[in-house]
Amino acid sequence: MILGQFARRPAGIATSEDTDTVHCLVEATKQAFKLRDREIRDPDRMVFPAQELLGDDRLDSMSRAMDLSQAAPWGNAGDPADTTWFGAIDAAGRSVSCIQSIYHEFGSGLVLPATGLCWQNRGASFSLQPDHPQELKPRTLPFHTLCPSMAHFDDGRRMVFGTMGGDGQPQTQAILFTRYADYQQSLGQAVSAPRWVLGRTWGDRSDNLKLESRFNQDLLTELQQRGHDLALLDEFDETVGHAGAIVRHTYGRIEGAADPRGDGAAVGADEDRIERLDD
């Protein structure tokens, strides 16, 4: 929904770190999250198929409702989370984008004695409020924020990408995708350039728009003038996620990028090395 609204952006939003781009993506995030919180639930309890949230009529309406000169009100703090994204592409083009998560920092706090595995606590996303979209009922699945992503480009490229960070996941992925696909940045640039995150993230319950301090002061001033409640982060702050991406080109070249904000890495291996590892 974020990318669908951004694809309908007005002409003139031409650079990846200008005020209009940041404002447009943040406002698209607000609308997408409001609709998500109202409609997304156990698939068997959905009022209509989730795919309809990506319908042209709905995205057109959301895009028209976006005010490009003024930030919409926001306040939707939630819970912290603990998550890891990883992806892989092999020489044949088989691709995997995967997220592992136990939700809160220590999940449920319960450890299985036989294996040492810590149980997750996604059930915390249920609500005890009657008729709530996430109402706790027997045999229902809880809401979760996990969204490992894959993109297939018209020219045959395939991209796997993702991040940890609770509600920051779709925001960071929208940033990475637009930088790489719309603004032709390299994967390394797209991952390492300054980022932002709206509202809750892992280990944080605040609602404001957080930006790394590497953004220029003019952009920050213009965002404040449009009504955004800003908070500055460190230059490379893990609050905005630990992102990563891999792209396989049609001629076989594979490139990857890992986030300098985290402890991940982009690693390649030739086929001989892979065979030795298998042995």
C-alpha atoms as a PDB file:
ATOM      1  CA  MET A   1       0.000   0.000   0.000  1.00  0.00           C
ATOM      2  CA  ILE A   2       2.895   2.362   0.730  1.00  0.00           C
ATOM      3  CA  LEU A   3       4.535   1.692  -2.623  1.00  0.00           C
ATOM      4  CA  GLY A   4       1.177   1.780  -4.403  1.00  0.00           C
ATOM      5  CA  GLN A   5       0.523   5.286  -3.114  1.00  0.00           C
ATOM      6  CA  PHE A   6       4.068   6.398  -3.887  1.00  0.00           C
ATOM      7  CA  ALA A   7       3.691   5.168  -7.474  1.00  0.00           C
ATOM      8  CA  ARG A   8       0.844   7.704  -7.787  1.00  0.00           C
ATOM      9  CA  ARG A   9       2.997  10.574  -6.506  1.00  0.00           C
ATOM     10  CA  PRO A  10       2.812  13.914  -8.316  1.00  0.00           C
ATOM     11  CA  ALA A  11       5.421  14.789 -10.906  1.00  0.00           C
ATOM     12  CA  GLY A  12       8.391  16.649  -9.537  1.00  0.00           C
ATOM     13  CA  ILE A  13       9.378  14.312  -6.709  1.00  0.00           C
ATOM     14  CA  ALA A  14      12.724  13.664  -8.276  1.00  0.00           C
ATOM     15  CA  THR A  15      15.329  12.776  -5.646  1.00  0.00           C
ATOM     16  CA  SER A  16      15.430  10.122  -2.964  1.00  0.00           C
ATOM     17  CA  GLU A  17      16.213  12.361  -0.002  1.00  0.00           C
ATOM     18  CA  ASP A  18      14.254  15.515  -0.805  1.00  0.00           C
ATOM     19  CA  THR A  19      11.467  16.800   1.441  1.00  0.00           C
ATOM     20  CA  ASP A  20       8.656  15.791  -0.917  1.00  0.00           C
ATOM     21  CA  THR A  21       9.875  12.189  -1.140  1.00  0.00           C
ATOM     22  CA  VAL A  22      10.235  11.772   2.627  1.00  0.00           C
ATOM     23  CA  HIS A  23       6.901  13.496   3.293  1.00  0.00           C
ATOM     24  CA  CYS A  24       5.083  11.424   0.656  1.00  0.00           C
ATOM     25  CA  LEU A  25       6.409   8.095   1.953  1.00  0.00           C
ATOM     26  CA  VAL A  26       5.665   9.020   5.581  1.00  0.00           C
ATOM     27  CA  GLU A  27       2.112  10.104   4.788  1.00  0.00           C
ATOM     28  CA  ALA A  28       1.575   6.953   2.694  1.00  0.00           C
ATOM     29  CA  THR A  29       2.741   4.949   5.712  1.00  0.00           C
ATOM     30  CA  LYS A  30       0.160   6.618   7.961  1.00  0.00           C
ATOM     31  CA  GLN A  31      -2.706   5.798   5.612  1.00  0.00           C
ATOM     32  CA  ALA A  32      -1.505   2.243   5.033  1.00  0.00           C
ATOM     33  CA  PHE A  33      -1.138   1.542   8.754  1.00  0.00           C
ATOM     34  CA  LYS A  34      -4.589   2.918   9.579  1.00  0.00           C
ATOM     35  CA  LEU A  35      -6.180   0.677   6.971  1.00  0.00           C
ATOM     36  CA  ARG A  36      -4.027  -2.263   8.050  1.00  0.00           C
ATOM     37  CA  ASP A  37      -5.026  -1.907  11.697  1.00  0.00           C
ATOM     38  CA  ARG A  38      -8.693  -1.688  10.748  1.00  0.00           C
ATOM     39  CA  GLU A  39      -8.859  -4.565   8.269  1.00  0.00           C
ATOM     40  CA  ILE A  40      -5.996  -7.068   8.634  1.00  0.00           C
ATOM     41  CA  ARG A  41      -6.762 -10.076  10.828  1.00  0.00           C
ATOM     42  CA  ASP A  42      -6.853 -13.873  10.675  1.00  0.00           C
ATOM     43  CA  PRO A  43      -7.320 -14.697   6.953  1.00  0.00           C
ATOM     44  CA  ASP A  44     -10.459 -16.704   7.718  1.00  0.00           C
ATOM     45  CA  ARG A  45     -11.994 -13.667   9.450  1.00  0.00           C
ATOM     46  CA  MET A  46     -11.178 -11.036   6.838  1.00  0.00           C
ATOM     47  CA  VAL A  47     -14.183  -8.995   5.671  1.00  0.00           C
ATOM     48  CA  PHE A  48     -12.764  -9.075   2.137  1.00  0.00           C
ATOM     49  CA  PRO A  49      -9.635 -10.641   0.582  1.00  0.00           C
ATOM     50  CA  ALA A  50      -6.432  -8.886   1.620  1.00  0.00           C
ATOM     51  CA  GLN A  51      -5.457  -8.485  -2.045  1.00  0.00           C
ATOM     52  CA  GLU A  52      -8.298  -5.959  -2.402  1.00  0.00           C
ATOM     53  CA  LEU A  53      -6.271  -3.582  -0.230  1.00  0.00           C
ATOM     54  CA  LEU A  54      -4.005  -3.197  -3.276  1.00  0.00           C
ATOM     55  CA  GLY A  55      -6.854  -2.466  -5.696  1.00  0.00           C
ATOM     56  CA  ASP A  56      -6.465   0.556  -7.968  1.00  0.00           C
ATOM     57  CA  ASP A  57      -9.607   2.266  -6.671  1.00  0.00           C
ATOM     58  CA  ARG A  58      -8.474   2.020  -3.066  1.00  0.00           C
ATOM     59  CA  LEU A  59      -4.913   3.154  -3.789  1.00  0.00           C
ATOM     60  CA  ASP A  60      -6.185   6.010  -5.957  1.00  0.00           C
ATOM     61  CA  SER A  61      -8.422   7.156  -3.095  1.00  0.00           C
ATOM     62  CA  MET A  62      -5.613   6.940  -0.535  1.00  0.00           C
ATOM     63  CA  SER A  63      -3.258   8.845  -2.816  1.00  0.00           C
ATOM     64  CA  ARG A  64      -5.813  11.622  -3.378  1.00  0.00           C
ATOM     65  CA  ALA A  65      -6.369  11.925   0.365  1.00  0.00           C
ATOM     66  CA  MET A  66      -2.683  12.604   1.002  1.00  0.00           C
ATOM     67  CA  ASP A  67      -1.872  16.243   1.787  1.00  0.00           C
ATOM     68  CA  LEU A  68       1.531  17.043   0.280  1.00  0.00           C
ATOM     69  CA  SER A  69       1.821  20.293   2.242  1.00  0.00           C
ATOM     70  CA  GLN A  70       0.741  19.161   5.717  1.00  0.00           C
ATOM     71  CA  ALA A  71       1.472  16.131   7.882  1.00  0.00           C
ATOM     72  CA  ALA A  72      -1.543  14.160   9.082  1.00  0.00           C
ATOM     73  CA  PRO A  73      -1.928  13.630  12.849  1.00  0.00           C
ATOM     74  CA  TRP A  74      -0.286  10.493  14.158  1.00  0.00           C
ATOM     75  CA  GLY A  75      -0.152   8.598  17.429  1.00  0.00           C
ATOM     76  CA  ASN A  76      -0.072   4.831  17.428  1.00  0.00           C
ATOM     77  CA  ALA A  77       2.645   3.573  19.739  1.00  0.00           C
ATOM     78  CA  GLY A  78       2.850  -0.176  20.129  1.00  0.00           C
ATOM     79  CA  ASP A  79       5.103  -2.901  21.445  1.00  0.00           C
ATOM     80  CA  PRO A  80       8.818  -3.626  20.971  1.00  0.00           C
ATOM     81  CA  ALA A  81      10.015  -6.556  18.913  1.00  0.00           C
ATOM     82  CA  ASP A  82      13.046  -8.742  18.203  1.00  0.00           C
ATOM     83  CA  THR A  83      13.493  -9.863  14.605  1.00  0.00           C
ATOM     84  CA  THR A  84      16.085 -10.916  12.017  1.00  0.00           C
ATOM     85  CA  TRP A  85      15.814 -10.801   8.208  1.00  0.00           C
ATOM     86  CA  PHE A  86      18.006 -12.869   5.899  1.00  0.00           C
ATOM     87  CA  GLY A  87      17.962 -13.600   2.191  1.00  0.00           C
ATOM     88  CA  ALA A  88      19.787 -15.798  -0.308  1.00  0.00           C
ATOM     89  CA  ILE A  89      20.033 -16.227  -4.084  1.00  0.00           C
ATOM     90  CA  ASP A  90      21.929 -19.093  -5.714  1.00  0.00           C
ATOM     91  CA  ALA A  91      23.591 -19.387  -9.117  1.00  0.00           C
ATOM     92  CA  ALA A  92      20.424 -20.842 -10.646  1.00  0.00           C
ATOM     93  CA  GLY A  93      18.350 -17.888  -9.463  1.00  0.00           C
ATOM     94  CA  ARG A  94      16.495 -19.660  -6.665  1.00  0.00           C
ATOM     95  CA  SER A  95      15.679 -16.907  -4.172  1.00  0.00           C
ATOM     96  CA  VAL A  96      14.633 -16.783  -0.535  1.00  0.00           C
ATOM     97  CA  SER A  97      13.577 -13.816   1.582  1.00  0.00           C
ATOM     98  CA  CYS A  98      12.985 -14.853   5.194  1.00  0.00           C
ATOM     99  CA  ILE A  99      12.292 -13.313   8.600  1.00  0.00           C
ATOM    100  CA  GLN A 100      12.687 -15.038  11.953  1.00  0.00           C
ATOM    101  CA  SER A 101      11.133 -13.447  15.005  1.00  0.00           C
ATOM    102  CA  ILE A 102      10.199 -14.174  18.603  1.00  0.00           C
ATOM    103  CA  TYR A 103       8.389 -10.796  18.753  1.00  0.00           C
ATOM    104  CA  HIS A 104       9.354  -9.150  22.074  1.00  0.00           C
ATOM    105  CA  GLU A 105      13.017  -9.038  23.084  1.00  0.00           C
ATOM    106  CA  PHE A 106      12.768 -12.335  24.941  1.00  0.00           C
ATOM    107  CA  GLY A 107       9.627 -13.636  23.269  1.00  0.00           C
ATOM    108  CA  SER A 108       7.352 -15.280  25.794  1.00  0.00           C
ATOM    109  CA  GLY A 109      10.231 -15.643  28.263  1.00  0.00           C
ATOM    110  CA  LEU A 110       9.689 -19.416  28.151  1.00  0.00           C
ATOM    111  CA  VAL A 111      12.503 -21.712  27.011  1.00  0.00           C
ATOM    112  CA  LEU A 112      11.924 -25.293  25.870  1.00  0.00           C
ATOM    113  CA  PRO A 113      14.213 -27.363  28.125  1.00  0.00           C
ATOM    114  CA  ALA A 114      14.931 -30.099  25.577  1.00  0.00           C
ATOM    115  CA  THR A 115      16.081 -27.762  22.802  1.00  0.00           C
ATOM    116  CA  GLY A 116      16.912 -24.450  24.473  1.00  0.00           C
ATOM    117  CA  LEU A 117      14.637 -22.631  22.009  1.00  0.00           C
ATOM    118  CA  CYS A 118      12.805 -19.557  23.260  1.00  0.00           C
ATOM    119  CA  TRP A 119       9.093 -19.443  22.492  1.00  0.00           C
ATOM    120  CA  GLN A 120       7.705 -16.415  20.661  1.00  0.00           C
ATOM    121  CA  ASN A 121       4.755 -14.415  22.006  1.00  0.00           C
ATOM    122  CA  ARG A 122       2.856 -13.273  18.924  1.00  0.00           C
ATOM    123  CA  GLY A 123      -0.323 -13.923  20.884  1.00  0.00           C
ATOM    124  CA  ALA A 124       0.300 -10.542  22.498  1.00  0.00           C
ATOM    125  CA  SER A 125      -1.147  -9.037  19.322  1.00  0.00           C
ATOM    126  CA  PHE A 126      -4.611 -10.316  20.218  1.00  0.00           C
ATOM    127  CA  SER A 127      -7.126  -7.977  21.858  1.00  0.00           C
ATOM    128  CA  LEU A 128      -9.532  -8.785  24.699  1.00  0.00           C
ATOM    129  CA  GLN A 129     -11.906  -6.101  23.410  1.00  0.00           C
ATOM    130  CA  PRO A 130     -15.086  -7.628  21.916  1.00  0.00           C
ATOM    131  CA  ASP A 131     -15.523  -7.130  18.154  1.00  0.00           C
ATOM    132  CA  HIS A 132     -11.944  -5.865  17.778  1.00  0.00           C
ATOM    133  CA  PRO A 133     -10.312  -6.951  14.478  1.00  0.00           C
ATOM    134  CA  GLN A 134      -7.748  -8.854  16.573  1.00  0.00           C
ATOM    135  CA  GLU A 135     -10.207 -10.212  19.146  1.00  0.00           C
ATOM    136  CA  LEU A 136      -8.866 -13.316  20.894  1.00  0.00           C
ATOM    137  CA  LYS A 137     -10.889 -16.313  19.778  1.00  0.00           C
ATOM    138  CA  PRO A 138     -10.214 -20.062  19.511  1.00  0.00           C
ATOM    139  CA  ARG A 139      -8.404 -21.266  16.377  1.00  0.00           C
ATOM    140  CA  THR A 140      -7.478 -17.788  15.141  1.00  0.00           C
ATOM    141  CA  LEU A 141      -4.084 -16.471  14.071  1.00  0.00           C
ATOM    142  CA  PRO A 142      -2.630 -13.278  15.599  1.00  0.00           C
ATOM    143  CA  PHE A 143      -1.547 -10.247  13.617  1.00  0.00           C
ATOM    144  CA  HIS A 144       2.197  -9.910  12.997  1.00  0.00           C
ATOM    145  CA  THR A 145       4.496  -7.401  11.321  1.00  0.00           C
ATOM    146  CA  LEU A 146       6.752  -9.847   9.445  1.00  0.00           C
ATOM    147  CA  CYS A 147       7.004  -9.024   5.744  1.00  0.00           C
ATOM    148  CA  PRO A 148      10.063 -10.470   3.986  1.00  0.00           C
ATOM    149  CA  SER A 149       9.930  -9.124   0.434  1.00  0.00           C
ATOM    150  CA  MET A 150      10.864 -10.101  -3.097  1.00  0.00           C
ATOM    151  CA  ALA A 151      10.609  -8.023  -6.265  1.00  0.00           C
ATOM    152  CA  HIS A 152      10.612  -9.232  -9.874  1.00  0.00           C
ATOM    153  CA  PHE A 153      11.571  -6.521 -12.359  1.00  0.00           C
ATOM    154  CA  ASP A 154      10.403  -6.316 -15.958  1.00  0.00           C
ATOM    155  CA  ASP A 155      13.978  -6.737 -17.220  1.00  0.00           C
ATOM    156  CA  GLY A 156      14.358 -10.068 -15.387  1.00  0.00           C
ATOM    157  CA  ARG A 157      16.186  -8.915 -12.271  1.00  0.00           C
ATOM    158  CA  ARG A 158      15.109 -10.463  -8.986  1.00  0.00           C
ATOM    159  CA  MET A 159      15.568  -8.731  -5.646  1.00  0.00           C
ATOM    160  CA  VAL A 160      15.145 -10.067  -2.113  1.00  0.00           C
ATOM    161  CA  PHE A 161      15.166  -7.495   0.656  1.00  0.00           C
ATOM    162  CA  GLY A 162      13.997  -6.861   4.184  1.00  0.00           C
ATOM    163  CA  THR A 163      14.758  -5.671   7.677  1.00  0.00           C
ATOM    164  CA  MET A 164      13.898  -6.132  11.309  1.00  0.00           C
ATOM    165  CA  GLY A 165      12.075  -3.444  13.270  1.00  0.00           C
ATOM    166  CA  GLY A 166       8.351  -4.056  13.891  1.00  0.00           C
ATOM    167  CA  ASP A 167       6.313  -1.393  12.113  1.00  0.00           C
ATOM    168  CA  GLY A 168       9.561  -0.074  10.684  1.00  0.00           C
ATOM    169  CA  GLN A 169       9.782  -3.077   8.329  1.00  0.00           C
ATOM    170  CA  PRO A 170       7.445  -1.911   5.534  1.00  0.00           C
ATOM    171  CA  GLN A 171       8.758   1.640   5.884  1.00  0.00           C
ATOM    172  CA  THR A 172      12.404   0.665   5.446  1.00  0.00           C
ATOM    173  CA  GLN A 173      11.532  -1.714   2.619  1.00  0.00           C
ATOM    174  CA  ALA A 174       9.634   1.048   0.826  1.00  0.00           C
ATOM    175  CA  ILE A 175      12.691   3.291   1.226  1.00  0.00           C
ATOM    176  CA  LEU A 176      15.072   0.613  -0.107  1.00  0.00           C
ATOM    177  CA  PHE A 177      12.837  -0.251  -3.045  1.00  0.00           C
ATOM    178  CA  THR A 178      12.225   3.333  -4.160  1.00  0.00           C
ATOM    179  CA  ARG A 179      15.912   4.208  -3.899  1.00  0.00           C
ATOM    180  CA  TYR A 180      16.964   1.210  -5.958  1.00  0.00           C
ATOM    181  CA  ALA A 181      14.066   0.968  -8.428  1.00  0.00           C
ATOM    182  CA  ASP A 182      12.929   4.589  -8.818  1.00  0.00           C
ATOM    183  CA  TYR A 183      16.100   6.572  -8.146  1.00  0.00           C
ATOM    184  CA  GLN A 184      18.668   4.077  -9.542  1.00  0.00           C
ATOM    185  CA  GLN A 185      20.845   4.034  -6.452  1.00  0.00           C
ATOM    186  CA  SER A 186      23.188   1.097  -5.958  1.00  0.00           C
ATOM    187  CA  LEU A 187      22.219  -1.456  -3.311  1.00  0.00           C
ATOM    188  CA  GLY A 188      24.988  -0.145  -1.071  1.00  0.00           C
ATOM    189  CA  GLN A 189      23.715   3.419  -1.366  1.00  0.00           C
ATOM    190  CA  ALA A 190      20.096   2.399  -0.864  1.00  0.00           C
ATOM    191  CA  VAL A 191      20.918   0.514   2.354  1.00  0.00           C
ATOM    192  CA  SER A 192      23.439   2.895   3.899  1.00  0.00           C
ATOM    193  CA  ALA A 193      21.918   6.317   3.028  1.00  0.00           C
ATOM    194  CA  PRO A 194      20.126   8.115   5.891  1.00  0.00           C
ATOM    195  CA  ARG A 195      16.715   6.713   6.794  1.00  0.00           C
ATOM    196  CA  TRP A 196      13.704   7.545   8.905  1.00  0.00           C
ATOM    197  CA  VAL A 197      11.004   5.627  10.728  1.00  0.00           C
ATOM    198  CA  LEU A 198       7.545   6.715  11.863  1.00  0.00           C
ATOM    199  CA  GLY A 199       6.134   5.644  15.203  1.00  0.00           C
ATOM    200  CA  ARG A 200       6.903   2.459  17.021  1.00  0.00           C
ATOM    201  CA  THR A 201       9.962   0.346  16.387  1.00  0.00           C
ATOM    202  CA  TRP A 202      11.741  -2.392  18.285  1.00  0.00           C
ATOM    203  CA  GLY A 203      12.483  -1.283  21.850  1.00  0.00           C
ATOM    204  CA  ASP A 204      10.693   2.063  21.401  1.00  0.00           C
ATOM    205  CA  ARG A 205       7.107   3.170  22.019  1.00  0.00           C
ATOM    206  CA  SER A 206       7.231   6.793  20.835  1.00  0.00           C
ATOM    207  CA  ASP A 207       5.022   8.025  17.981  1.00  0.00           C
ATOM    208  CA  ASN A 208       7.120  10.712  16.337  1.00  0.00           C
ATOM    209  CA  LEU A 209       9.023  10.728  13.066  1.00  0.00           C
ATOM    210  CA  LYS A 210      12.622   9.759  13.766  1.00  0.00           C
ATOM    211  CA  LEU A 211      15.349  10.712  11.286  1.00  0.00           C
ATOM    212  CA  GLU A 212      19.054  10.064  11.273  1.00  0.00           C
ATOM    213  CA  SER A 213      21.058  13.243  11.798  1.00  0.00           C
ATOM    214  CA  ARG A 214      22.792  12.888   8.417  1.00  0.00           C
ATOM    215  CA  PHE A 215      19.790  14.494   6.700  1.00  0.00           C
ATOM    216  CA  ASN A 216      20.500  18.125   5.852  1.00  0.00           C
ATOM    217  CA  GLN A 217      19.055  20.867   8.035  1.00  0.00           C
ATOM    218  CA  ASP A 218      16.937  22.356   5.233  1.00  0.00           C
ATOM    219  CA  LEU A 219      15.026  19.099   4.846  1.00  0.00           C
ATOM    220  CA  LEU A 220      14.457  18.863   8.601  1.00  0.00           C
ATOM    221  CA  THR A 221      13.209  22.442   8.750  1.00  0.00           C
ATOM    222  CA  GLU A 222      10.820  21.930   5.827  1.00  0.00           C
ATOM    223  CA  LEU A 223       9.391  18.751   7.391  1.00  0.00           C
ATOM    224  CA  GLN A 224       8.771  20.615  10.644  1.00  0.00           C
ATOM    225  CA  GLN A 225       7.041  23.385   8.715  1.00  0.00           C
ATOM    226  CA  ARG A 226       4.693  20.764   7.246  1.00  0.00           C
ATOM    227  CA  GLY A 227       3.730  19.659  10.751  1.00  0.00           C
ATOM    228  CA  HIS A 228       5.896  16.604  11.342  1.00  0.00           C
ATOM    229  CA  ASP A 229       6.902  15.931  14.948  1.00  0.00           C
ATOM    230  CA  LEU A 230      10.595  15.142  14.514  1.00  0.00           C
ATOM    231  CA  ALA A 231      13.218  13.448  16.663  1.00  0.00           C
ATOM    232  CA  LEU A 232      16.859  13.171  15.614  1.00  0.00           C
ATOM    233  CA  LEU A 233      18.779   9.912  15.885  1.00  0.00           C
ATOM    234  CA  ASP A 234      22.484   9.159  15.648  1.00  0.00           C
ATOM    235  CA  GLU A 235      24.134   9.221  12.209  1.00  0.00           C
ATOM    236  CA  PHE A 236      23.843   5.421  11.757  1.00  0.00           C
ATOM    237  CA  ASP A 237      21.144   4.392  14.215  1.00  0.00           C
ATOM    238  CA  GLU A 238      19.801   0.841  14.447  1.00  0.00           C
ATOM    239  CA  THR A 239      16.392   2.273  15.400  1.00  0.00           C
ATOM    240  CA  VAL A 240      15.727   2.500  11.644  1.00  0.00           C
ATOM    241  CA  GLY A 241      16.422  -1.213  11.201  1.00  0.00           C
ATOM    242  CA  HIS A 242      19.105  -3.653  10.108  1.00  0.00           C
ATOM    243  CA  ALA A 243      18.339  -3.898   6.397  1.00  0.00           C
ATOM    244  CA  GLY A 244      19.756  -6.036   3.629  1.00  0.00           C
ATOM    245  CA  ALA A 245      19.187  -6.766  -0.034  1.00  0.00           C
ATOM    246  CA  ILE A 246      20.374  -9.085  -2.829  1.00  0.00           C
ATOM    247  CA  VAL A 247      19.794  -8.636  -6.556  1.00  0.00           C
ATOM    248  CA  ARG A 248      20.371 -11.228  -9.288  1.00  0.00           C
ATOM    249  CA  HIS A 249      20.799  -9.777 -12.773  1.00  0.00           C
ATOM    250  CA  THR A 250      19.697 -11.583 -15.903  1.00  0.00           C
ATOM    251  CA  TYR A 251      23.297 -12.227 -16.995  1.00  0.00           C
ATOM    252  CA  GLY A 252      24.028 -14.054 -13.708  1.00  0.00           C
ATOM    253  CA  ARG A 253      25.731 -11.367 -11.654  1.00  0.00           C
ATOM    254  CA  ILE A 254      24.624 -11.293  -8.023  1.00  0.00           C
ATOM    255  CA  GLU A 255      25.145  -8.276  -5.770  1.00  0.00           C
ATOM    256  CA  GLY A 256      24.278  -7.782  -2.136  1.00  0.00           C
ATOM    257  CA  ALA A 257      24.404  -5.159   0.580  1.00  0.00           C
ATOM    258  CA  ALA A 258      24.236  -5.367   4.367  1.00  0.00           C
ATOM    259  CA  ASP A 259      23.395  -2.581   6.783  1.00  0.00           C
ATOM    260  CA  PRO A 260      26.270  -0.764   8.524  1.00  0.00           C
ATOM    261  CA  ARG A 261      23.821  -0.176  11.392  1.00  0.00           C
ATOM    262  CA  GLY A 262      23.805  -3.869  12.333  1.00  0.00           C
ATOM    263  CA  ASP A 263      26.101  -6.863  12.541  1.00  0.00           C
ATOM    264  CA  GLY A 264      24.998  -8.584   9.331  1.00  0.00           C
ATOM    265  CA  ALA A 265      27.057  -9.140   6.189  1.00  0.00           C
ATOM    266  CA  ALA A 266      26.644  -9.715   2.461  1.00  0.00           C
ATOM    267  CA  VAL A 267      28.553 -12.923   1.678  1.00  0.00           C
ATOM    268  CA  GLY A 268      29.170 -14.687  -1.642  1.00  0.00           C
ATOM    269  CA  ALA A 269      30.527 -18.154  -2.393  1.00  0.00           C
ATOM    270  CA  ASP A 270      31.432 -19.891  -5.661  1.00  0.00           C
ATOM    271  CA  GLU A 271      29.906 -23.237  -6.597  1.00  0.00           C
ATOM    272  CA  ASP A 272      33.009 -25.222  -5.598  1.00  0.00           C
ATOM    273  CA  ARG A 273      32.888 -23.664  -2.153  1.00  0.00           C
ATOM    274  CA  ILE A 274      29.172 -24.446  -1.841  1.00  0.00           C
ATOM    275  CA  GLU A 275      29.807 -28.098  -2.769  1.00  0.00           C
ATOM    276  CA  ARG A 276      32.556 -28.395  -0.165  1.00  0.00           C
ATOM    277  CA  LEU A 277      30.229 -26.931   2.445  1.00  0.00           C
ATOM    278  CA  ASP A 278      27.559 -29.453   1.470  1.00  0.00           C
ATOM    279  CA  ASP A 279      30.042 -32.316   1.877  1.00  0.00           C
END
